[in-house]
Amino acid sequence: MTAQEQLVGGWTVYHKLTPKDQEVFKEALTGFVGVQYSPELVSTQVVNGTNYRFKCTATLPGSPGTSWQAIVETYAPINGKPHITQIHRV
């Protein structure tokens, strides 16, 4: 099984973002202010839509050298706009 193959209800292994993953991330974070998140890897889960777990580097604008790892969880419904469901600092 490749990283791109998905089983309904199961999470994929973390893998590099596809152009579609990048678009979902960008759309979900539209209008988000404060911390900046740069996605590095993603894991997905097919449900009624798709859940995403983006492994990101987080930074505070104006605070050079301040960064940490975070998981930005998003949900992309079949019809509708992707949105953030949770953010975890790791």
PDB file of N, CA and C in Angstrom:
ATOM      1  N   MET A   1       0.841  -1.175   0.000  1.00  0.00           N
ATOM      2  CA  MET A   1       0.000   0.000   0.000  1.00  0.00           C
ATOM      3  C   MET A   1       0.890   1.243   0.000  1.00  0.00           C
ATOM      4  N   THR A   2       0.580   2.190  -0.851  1.00  0.00           N
ATOM      5  CA  THR A   2       1.344   3.433  -0.879  1.00  0.00           C
ATOM      6  C   THR A   2       0.743   4.425   0.093  1.00  0.00           C
ATOM      7  N   ALA A   3       1.476   5.504   0.363  1.00  0.00           N
ATOM      8  CA  ALA A   3       0.998   6.533   1.293  1.00  0.00           C
ATOM      9  C   ALA A   3      -0.273   7.187   0.785  1.00  0.00           C
ATOM     10  N   GLN A   4      -0.496   7.171  -0.511  1.00  0.00           N
ATOM     11  CA  GLN A   4      -1.666   7.841  -1.071  1.00  0.00           C
ATOM     12  C   GLN A   4      -2.933   6.986  -1.015  1.00  0.00           C
ATOM     13  N   GLU A   5      -2.778   5.666  -0.863  1.00  0.00           N
ATOM     14  CA  GLU A   5      -3.955   4.809  -0.789  1.00  0.00           C
ATOM     15  C   GLU A   5      -4.619   4.981   0.576  1.00  0.00           C
ATOM     16  N   GLN A   6      -5.949   4.981   0.559  1.00  0.00           N
ATOM     17  CA  GLN A   6      -6.668   5.226   1.793  1.00  0.00           C
ATOM     18  C   GLN A   6      -7.730   4.163   2.019  1.00  0.00           C
ATOM     19  N   LEU A   7      -7.918   3.803   3.271  1.00  0.00           N
ATOM     20  CA  LEU A   7      -9.000   2.931   3.672  1.00  0.00           C
ATOM     21  C   LEU A   7     -10.003   3.791   4.415  1.00  0.00           C
ATOM     22  N   VAL A   8     -11.289   3.565   4.179  1.00  0.00           N
ATOM     23  CA  VAL A   8     -12.307   4.342   4.863  1.00  0.00           C
ATOM     24  C   VAL A   8     -12.146   4.137   6.360  1.00  0.00           C
ATOM     25  N   GLY A   9     -12.024   5.233   7.094  1.00  0.00           N
ATOM     26  CA  GLY A   9     -11.882   5.190   8.543  1.00  0.00           C
ATOM     27  C   GLY A   9     -10.457   5.057   9.033  1.00  0.00           C
ATOM     28  N   GLY A  10      -9.509   4.673   8.187  1.00  0.00           N
ATOM     29  CA  GLY A  10      -8.123   4.500   8.604  1.00  0.00           C
ATOM     30  C   GLY A  10      -7.262   5.682   8.186  1.00  0.00           C
ATOM     31  N   TRP A  11      -6.255   5.995   8.988  1.00  0.00           N
ATOM     32  CA  TRP A  11      -5.330   7.082   8.676  1.00  0.00           C
ATOM     33  C   TRP A  11      -4.197   6.564   7.803  1.00  0.00           C
ATOM     34  N   THR A  12      -3.774   7.364   6.832  1.00  0.00           N
ATOM     35  CA  THR A  12      -2.594   7.029   6.042  1.00  0.00           C
ATOM     36  C   THR A  12      -1.356   7.321   6.879  1.00  0.00           C
ATOM     37  N   VAL A  13      -0.215   6.777   6.450  1.00  0.00           N
ATOM     38  CA  VAL A  13       1.044   7.172   7.066  1.00  0.00           C
ATOM     39  C   VAL A  13       1.318   8.613   6.649  1.00  0.00           C
ATOM     40  N   TYR A  14       2.110   9.340   7.436  1.00  0.00           N
ATOM     41  CA  TYR A  14       2.468  10.708   7.055  1.00  0.00           C
ATOM     42  C   TYR A  14       3.282  10.676   5.774  1.00  0.00           C
ATOM     43  N   HIS A  15       2.981  11.596   4.868  1.00  0.00           N
ATOM     44  CA  HIS A  15       3.661  11.679   3.585  1.00  0.00           C
ATOM     45  C   HIS A  15       3.740  13.140   3.139  1.00  0.00           C
ATOM     46  N   LYS A  16       4.531  13.387   2.094  1.00  0.00           N
ATOM     47  CA  LYS A  16       4.647  14.742   1.549  1.00  0.00           C
ATOM     48  C   LYS A  16       3.296  15.197   1.020  1.00  0.00           C
ATOM     49  N   LEU A  17       3.067  16.504   1.091  1.00  0.00           N
ATOM     50  CA  LEU A  17       1.805  17.058   0.634  1.00  0.00           C
ATOM     51  C   LEU A  17       1.692  17.003  -0.891  1.00  0.00           C
ATOM     52  N   THR A  18       0.497  16.653  -1.344  1.00  0.00           N
ATOM     53  CA  THR A  18       0.177  16.737  -2.766  1.00  0.00           C
ATOM     54  C   THR A  18      -0.335  18.162  -3.025  1.00  0.00           C
ATOM     55  N   PRO A  19      -0.456  18.552  -4.279  1.00  0.00           N
ATOM     56  CA  PRO A  19      -1.054  19.871  -4.555  1.00  0.00           C
ATOM     57  C   PRO A  19      -2.453  20.011  -3.937  1.00  0.00           C
ATOM     58  N   LYS A  20      -3.243  18.931  -3.938  1.00  0.00           N
ATOM     59  CA  LYS A  20      -4.579  18.984  -3.325  1.00  0.00           C
ATOM     60  C   LYS A  20      -4.468  19.224  -1.821  1.00  0.00           C
ATOM     61  N   ASP A  21      -3.542  18.516  -1.151  1.00  0.00           N
ATOM     62  CA  ASP A  21      -3.336  18.712   0.290  1.00  0.00           C
ATOM     63  C   ASP A  21      -2.957  20.162   0.579  1.00  0.00           C
ATOM     64  N   GLN A  22      -2.069  20.724  -0.237  1.00  0.00           N
ATOM     65  CA  GLN A  22      -1.638  22.108  -0.048  1.00  0.00           C
ATOM     66  C   GLN A  22      -2.808  23.071  -0.197  1.00  0.00           C
ATOM     67  N   GLU A  23      -3.688  22.801  -1.151  1.00  0.00           N
ATOM     68  CA  GLU A  23      -4.857  23.661  -1.363  1.00  0.00           C
ATOM     69  C   GLU A  23      -5.816  23.581  -0.174  1.00  0.00           C
ATOM     70  N   VAL A  24      -6.041  22.373   0.352  1.00  0.00           N
ATOM     71  CA  VAL A  24      -6.907  22.200   1.525  1.00  0.00           C
ATOM     72  C   VAL A  24      -6.330  22.982   2.704  1.00  0.00           C
ATOM     73  N   PHE A  25      -5.019  22.856   2.936  1.00  0.00           N
ATOM     74  CA  PHE A  25      -4.375  23.562   4.043  1.00  0.00           C
ATOM     75  C   PHE A  25      -4.540  25.073   3.885  1.00  0.00           C
ATOM     76  N   LYS A  26      -4.250  25.577   2.703  1.00  0.00           N
ATOM     77  CA  LYS A  26      -4.348  27.015   2.436  1.00  0.00           C
ATOM     78  C   LYS A  26      -5.774  27.516   2.653  1.00  0.00           C
ATOM     79  N   GLU A  27      -6.748  26.778   2.146  1.00  0.00           N
ATOM     80  CA  GLU A  27      -8.142  27.202   2.280  1.00  0.00           C
ATOM     81  C   GLU A  27      -8.612  27.151   3.737  1.00  0.00           C
ATOM     82  N   ALA A  28      -8.200  26.106   4.475  1.00  0.00           N
ATOM     83  CA  ALA A  28      -8.609  25.967   5.874  1.00  0.00           C
ATOM     84  C   ALA A  28      -8.041  27.088   6.744  1.00  0.00           C
ATOM     85  N   LEU A  29      -6.847  27.590   6.401  1.00  0.00           N
ATOM     86  CA  LEU A  29      -6.222  28.629   7.211  1.00  0.00           C
ATOM     87  C   LEU A  29      -6.469  30.048   6.700  1.00  0.00           C
ATOM     88  N   THR A  30      -7.292  30.200   5.678  1.00  0.00           N
ATOM     89  CA  THR A  30      -7.625  31.529   5.177  1.00  0.00           C
ATOM     90  C   THR A  30      -8.240  32.350   6.304  1.00  0.00           C
ATOM     91  N   GLY A  31      -7.673  33.518   6.557  1.00  0.00           N
ATOM     92  CA  GLY A  31      -8.177  34.400   7.603  1.00  0.00           C
ATOM     93  C   GLY A  31      -7.616  34.119   8.988  1.00  0.00           C
ATOM     94  N   PHE A  32      -6.827  33.047   9.138  1.00  0.00           N
ATOM     95  CA  PHE A  32      -6.230  32.714  10.433  1.00  0.00           C
ATOM     96  C   PHE A  32      -5.116  33.711  10.724  1.00  0.00           C
ATOM     97  N   VAL A  33      -5.140  34.317  11.902  1.00  0.00           N
ATOM     98  CA  VAL A  33      -4.125  35.307  12.263  1.00  0.00           C
ATOM     99  C   VAL A  33      -3.347  34.833  13.482  1.00  0.00           C
ATOM    100  N   GLY A  34      -2.142  35.386  13.633  1.00  0.00           N
ATOM    101  CA  GLY A  34      -1.302  35.032  14.778  1.00  0.00           C
ATOM    102  C   GLY A  34      -0.173  34.137  14.351  1.00  0.00           C
ATOM    103  N   VAL A  35      -0.173  32.923  14.843  1.00  0.00           N
ATOM    104  CA  VAL A  35       0.882  31.957  14.538  1.00  0.00           C
ATOM    105  C   VAL A  35       0.833  31.593  13.057  1.00  0.00           C
ATOM    106  N   GLN A  36       2.016  31.461  12.445  1.00  0.00           N
ATOM    107  CA  GLN A  36       2.100  31.013  11.058  1.00  0.00           C
ATOM    108  C   GLN A  36       2.488  29.543  11.048  1.00  0.00           C
ATOM    109  N   TYR A  37       1.765  28.742  10.280  1.00  0.00           N
ATOM    110  CA  TYR A  37       2.018  27.309  10.186  1.00  0.00           C
ATOM    111  C   TYR A  37       2.499  26.962   8.787  1.00  0.00           C
ATOM    112  N   SER A  38       3.612  26.208   8.715  1.00  0.00           N
ATOM    113  CA  SER A  38       4.164  25.747   7.446  1.00  0.00           C
ATOM    114  C   SER A  38       4.079  24.220   7.430  1.00  0.00           C
ATOM    115  N   PRO A  39       3.194  23.653   6.612  1.00  0.00           N
ATOM    116  CA  PRO A  39       3.026  22.198   6.607  1.00  0.00           C
ATOM    117  C   PRO A  39       4.223  21.480   5.985  1.00  0.00           C
ATOM    118  N   GLU A  40       4.608  20.368   6.590  1.00  0.00           N
ATOM    119  CA  GLU A  40       5.730  19.566   6.110  1.00  0.00           C
ATOM    120  C   GLU A  40       5.285  18.180   5.652  1.00  0.00           C
ATOM    121  N   LEU A  41       4.384  17.564   6.414  1.00  0.00           N
ATOM    122  CA  LEU A  41       3.860  16.233   6.110  1.00  0.00           C
ATOM    123  C   LEU A  41       2.369  16.212   6.414  1.00  0.00           C
ATOM    124  N   VAL A  42       1.665  15.223   5.856  1.00  0.00           N
ATOM    125  CA  VAL A  42       0.234  15.116   6.099  1.00  0.00           C
ATOM    126  C   VAL A  42      -0.176  13.649   6.201  1.00  0.00           C
ATOM    127  N   SER A  43      -1.199  13.400   7.000  1.00  0.00           N
ATOM    128  CA  SER A  43      -1.852  12.104   7.093  1.00  0.00           C
ATOM    129  C   SER A  43      -3.340  12.378   6.876  1.00  0.00           C
ATOM    130  N   THR A  44      -4.029  11.481   6.152  1.00  0.00           N
ATOM    131  CA  THR A  44      -5.440  11.709   5.867  1.00  0.00           C
ATOM    132  C   THR A  44      -6.291  10.525   6.291  1.00  0.00           C
ATOM    133  N   GLN A  45      -7.575  10.813   6.505  1.00  0.00           N
ATOM    134  CA  GLN A  45      -8.550   9.797   6.898  1.00  0.00           C
ATOM    135  C   GLN A  45      -9.833  10.079   6.125  1.00  0.00           C
ATOM    136  N   VAL A  46     -10.288   9.097   5.352  1.00  0.00           N
ATOM    137  CA  VAL A  46     -11.531   9.257   4.609  1.00  0.00           C
ATOM    138  C   VAL A  46     -12.699   8.941   5.528  1.00  0.00           C
ATOM    139  N   VAL A  47     -13.595   9.896   5.657  1.00  0.00           N
ATOM    140  CA  VAL A  47     -14.834   9.731   6.420  1.00  0.00           C
ATOM    141  C   VAL A  47     -15.931  10.270   5.506  1.00  0.00           C
ATOM    142  N   ASN A  48     -16.903  10.965   6.015  1.00  0.00           N
ATOM    143  CA  ASN A  48     -17.873  11.663   5.175  1.00  0.00           C
ATOM    144  C   ASN A  48     -17.226  12.988   4.795  1.00  0.00           C
ATOM    145  N   GLY A  49     -16.249  12.923   3.913  1.00  0.00           N
ATOM    146  CA  GLY A  49     -15.315  14.008   3.623  1.00  0.00           C
ATOM    147  C   GLY A  49     -13.936  13.466   3.955  1.00  0.00           C
ATOM    148  N   THR A  50     -12.991  14.338   4.286  1.00  0.00           N
ATOM    149  CA  THR A  50     -11.636  13.894   4.618  1.00  0.00           C
ATOM    150  C   THR A  50     -11.100  14.678   5.807  1.00  0.00           C
ATOM    151  N   ASN A  51     -10.545  13.957   6.782  1.00  0.00           N
ATOM    152  CA  ASN A  51      -9.814  14.574   7.889  1.00  0.00           C
ATOM    153  C   ASN A  51      -8.347  14.639   7.498  1.00  0.00           C
ATOM    154  N   TYR A  52      -7.684  15.714   7.891  1.00  0.00           N
ATOM    155  CA  TYR A  52      -6.263  15.903   7.610  1.00  0.00           C
ATOM    156  C   TYR A  52      -5.529  16.199   8.911  1.00  0.00           C
ATOM    157  N   ARG A  53      -4.343  15.633   9.065  1.00  0.00           N
ATOM    158  CA  ARG A  53      -3.423  15.985  10.154  1.00  0.00           C
ATOM    159  C   ARG A  53      -2.147  16.483   9.490  1.00  0.00           C
ATOM    160  N   PHE A  54      -1.932  17.779   9.553  1.00  0.00           N
ATOM    161  CA  PHE A  54      -0.747  18.380   8.957  1.00  0.00           C
ATOM    162  C   PHE A  54       0.327  18.555  10.029  1.00  0.00           C
ATOM    163  N   LYS A  55       1.502  17.941   9.844  1.00  0.00           N
ATOM    164  CA  LYS A  55       2.652  18.199  10.718  1.00  0.00           C
ATOM    165  C   LYS A  55       3.280  19.490  10.217  1.00  0.00           C
ATOM    166  N   CYS A  56       3.369  20.467  11.101  1.00  0.00           N
ATOM    167  CA  CYS A  56       3.811  21.800  10.697  1.00  0.00           C
ATOM    168  C   CYS A  56       4.925  22.332  11.585  1.00  0.00           C
ATOM    169  N   THR A  57       5.657  23.288  11.046  1.00  0.00           N
ATOM    170  CA  THR A  57       6.522  24.133  11.843  1.00  0.00           C
ATOM    171  C   THR A  57       5.727  25.413  12.093  1.00  0.00           C
ATOM    172  N   ALA A  58       5.626  25.787  13.349  1.00  0.00           N
ATOM    173  CA  ALA A  58       4.885  26.979  13.735  1.00  0.00           C
ATOM    174  C   ALA A  58       5.854  28.082  14.134  1.00  0.00           C
ATOM    175  N   THR A  59       5.557  29.304  13.732  1.00  0.00           N
ATOM    176  CA  THR A  59       6.386  30.453  14.097  1.00  0.00           C
ATOM    177  C   THR A  59       5.500  31.633  14.454  1.00  0.00           C
ATOM    178  N   LEU A  60       6.057  32.511  15.287  1.00  0.00           N
ATOM    179  CA  LEU A  60       5.379  33.760  15.627  1.00  0.00           C
ATOM    180  C   LEU A  60       6.005  34.879  14.808  1.00  0.00           C
ATOM    181  N   PRO A  61       5.216  35.561  14.007  1.00  0.00           N
ATOM    182  CA  PRO A  61       5.775  36.689  13.247  1.00  0.00           C
ATOM    183  C   PRO A  61       6.377  37.718  14.201  1.00  0.00           C
ATOM    184  N   GLY A  62       7.531  38.226  13.853  1.00  0.00           N
ATOM    185  CA  GLY A  62       8.195  39.225  14.692  1.00  0.00           C
ATOM    186  C   GLY A  62       9.003  38.639  15.836  1.00  0.00           C
ATOM    187  N   SER A  63       9.065  37.314  15.925  1.00  0.00           N
ATOM    188  CA  SER A  63       9.842  36.653  16.975  1.00  0.00           C
ATOM    189  C   SER A  63      10.858  35.716  16.327  1.00  0.00           C
ATOM    190  N   PRO A  64      11.950  36.271  15.795  1.00  0.00           N
ATOM    191  CA  PRO A  64      12.930  35.422  15.116  1.00  0.00           C
ATOM    192  C   PRO A  64      13.478  34.332  16.036  1.00  0.00           C
ATOM    193  N   GLY A  65      13.649  33.154  15.469  1.00  0.00           N
ATOM    194  CA  GLY A  65      14.212  32.046  16.232  1.00  0.00           C
ATOM    195  C   GLY A  65      13.214  31.319  17.105  1.00  0.00           C
ATOM    196  N   THR A  66      11.974  31.765  17.123  1.00  0.00           N
ATOM    197  CA  THR A  66      10.947  31.114  17.919  1.00  0.00           C
ATOM    198  C   THR A  66      10.112  30.225  17.008  1.00  0.00           C
ATOM    199  N   SER A  67      10.280  28.915  17.142  1.00  0.00           N
ATOM    200  CA  SER A  67       9.467  27.989  16.354  1.00  0.00           C
ATOM    201  C   SER A  67       9.263  26.703  17.142  1.00  0.00           C
ATOM    202  N   TRP A  68       8.251  25.964  16.765  1.00  0.00           N
ATOM    203  CA  TRP A  68       7.935  24.688  17.395  1.00  0.00           C
ATOM    204  C   TRP A  68       7.162  23.839  16.399  1.00  0.00           C
ATOM    205  N   GLN A  69       6.989  22.584  16.736  1.00  0.00           N
ATOM    206  CA  GLN A  69       6.231  21.660  15.894  1.00  0.00           C
ATOM    207  C   GLN A  69       4.778  21.625  16.369  1.00  0.00           C
ATOM    208  N   ALA A  70       3.871  21.492  15.420  1.00  0.00           N
ATOM    209  CA  ALA A  70       2.453  21.433  15.740  1.00  0.00           C
ATOM    210  C   ALA A  70       1.738  20.537  14.741  1.00  0.00           C
ATOM    211  N   ILE A  71       0.607  20.005  15.175  1.00  0.00           N
ATOM    212  CA  ILE A  71      -0.292  19.267  14.295  1.00  0.00           C
ATOM    213  C   ILE A  71      -1.524  20.145  14.100  1.00  0.00           C
ATOM    214  N   VAL A  72      -1.800  20.477  12.850  1.00  0.00           N
ATOM    215  CA  VAL A  72      -2.992  21.253  12.513  1.00  0.00           C
ATOM    216  C   VAL A  72      -3.980  20.266  11.897  1.00  0.00           C
ATOM    217  N   GLU A  73      -5.082  20.030  12.613  1.00  0.00           N
ATOM    218  CA  GLU A  73      -6.101  19.115  12.128  1.00  0.00           C
ATOM    219  C   GLU A  73      -7.179  19.905  11.407  1.00  0.00           C
ATOM    220  N   THR A  74      -7.561  19.416  10.237  1.00  0.00           N
ATOM    221  CA  THR A  74      -8.607  20.072   9.460  1.00  0.00           C
ATOM    222  C   THR A  74      -9.592  19.025   8.963  1.00  0.00           C
ATOM    223  N   TYR A  75     -10.765  19.512   8.596  1.00  0.00           N
ATOM    224  CA  TYR A  75     -11.790  18.662   8.010  1.00  0.00           C
ATOM    225  C   TYR A  75     -12.233  19.297   6.705  1.00  0.00           C
ATOM    226  N   ALA A  76     -12.251  18.510   5.648  1.00  0.00           N
ATOM    227  CA  ALA A  76     -12.734  18.965   4.346  1.00  0.00           C
ATOM    228  C   ALA A  76     -13.997  18.174   4.016  1.00  0.00           C
ATOM    229  N   PRO A  77     -15.170  18.808   4.146  1.00  0.00           N
ATOM    230  CA  PRO A  77     -16.404  18.098   3.821  1.00  0.00           C
ATOM    231  C   PRO A  77     -16.500  17.820   2.319  1.00  0.00           C
ATOM    232  N   ILE A  78     -17.354  16.892   1.949  1.00  0.00           N
ATOM    233  CA  ILE A  78     -17.540  16.582   0.533  1.00  0.00           C
ATOM    234  C   ILE A  78     -17.996  17.841  -0.209  1.00  0.00           C
ATOM    235  N   ASN A  79     -18.930  18.555   0.365  1.00  0.00           N
ATOM    236  CA  ASN A  79     -19.406  19.814  -0.204  1.00  0.00           C
ATOM    237  C   ASN A  79     -19.230  20.893   0.845  1.00  0.00           C
ATOM    238  N   GLY A  80     -18.350  21.815   0.610  1.00  0.00           N
ATOM    239  CA  GLY A  80     -18.117  22.880   1.578  1.00  0.00           C
ATOM    240  C   GLY A  80     -16.646  23.189   1.716  1.00  0.00           C
ATOM    241  N   LYS A  81     -16.378  24.170   2.562  1.00  0.00           N
ATOM    242  CA  LYS A  81     -15.027  24.681   2.741  1.00  0.00           C
ATOM    243  C   LYS A  81     -14.278  23.923   3.843  1.00  0.00           C
ATOM    244  N   PRO A  82     -13.010  23.550   3.599  1.00  0.00           N
ATOM    245  CA  PRO A  82     -12.203  22.947   4.665  1.00  0.00           C
ATOM    246  C   PRO A  82     -12.029  23.932   5.825  1.00  0.00           C
ATOM    247  N   HIS A  83     -11.959  23.399   7.035  1.00  0.00           N
ATOM    248  CA  HIS A  83     -11.772  24.259   8.205  1.00  0.00           C
ATOM    249  C   HIS A  83     -10.932  23.552   9.265  1.00  0.00           C
ATOM    250  N   ILE A  84     -10.316  24.353  10.123  1.00  0.00           N
ATOM    251  CA  ILE A  84      -9.498  23.835  11.228  1.00  0.00           C
ATOM    252  C   ILE A  84     -10.423  23.226  12.276  1.00  0.00           C
ATOM    253  N   THR A  85     -10.068  22.040  12.780  1.00  0.00           N
ATOM    254  CA  THR A  85     -10.825  21.450  13.873  1.00  0.00           C
ATOM    255  C   THR A  85     -10.043  21.498  15.190  1.00  0.00           C
ATOM    256  N   GLN A  86      -8.698  21.364  15.126  1.00  0.00           N
ATOM    257  CA  GLN A  86      -7.857  21.427  16.315  1.00  0.00           C
ATOM    258  C   GLN A  86      -6.427  21.757  15.921  1.00  0.00           C
ATOM    259  N   ILE A  87      -5.697  22.336  16.867  1.00  0.00           N
ATOM    260  CA  ILE A  87      -4.259  22.540  16.692  1.00  0.00           C
ATOM    261  C   ILE A  87      -3.579  22.064  17.964  1.00  0.00           C
ATOM    262  N   HIS A  88      -2.584  21.183  17.819  1.00  0.00           N
ATOM    263  CA  HIS A  88      -1.850  20.630  18.957  1.00  0.00           C
ATOM    264  C   HIS A  88      -0.379  20.987  18.837  1.00  0.00           C
ATOM    265  N   ARG A  89       0.191  21.507  19.896  1.00  0.00           N
ATOM    266  CA  ARG A  89       1.635  21.716  19.945  1.00  0.00           C
ATOM    267  C   ARG A  89       2.275  20.397  20.335  1.00  0.00           C
ATOM    268  N   VAL A  90       3.335  20.002  19.598  1.00  0.00           N
ATOM    269  CA  VAL A  90       4.005  18.732  19.924  1.00  0.00           C
ATOM    270  C   VAL A  90       5.456  18.980  20.254  1.00  0.00           C
TER     271      VAL A  90
END
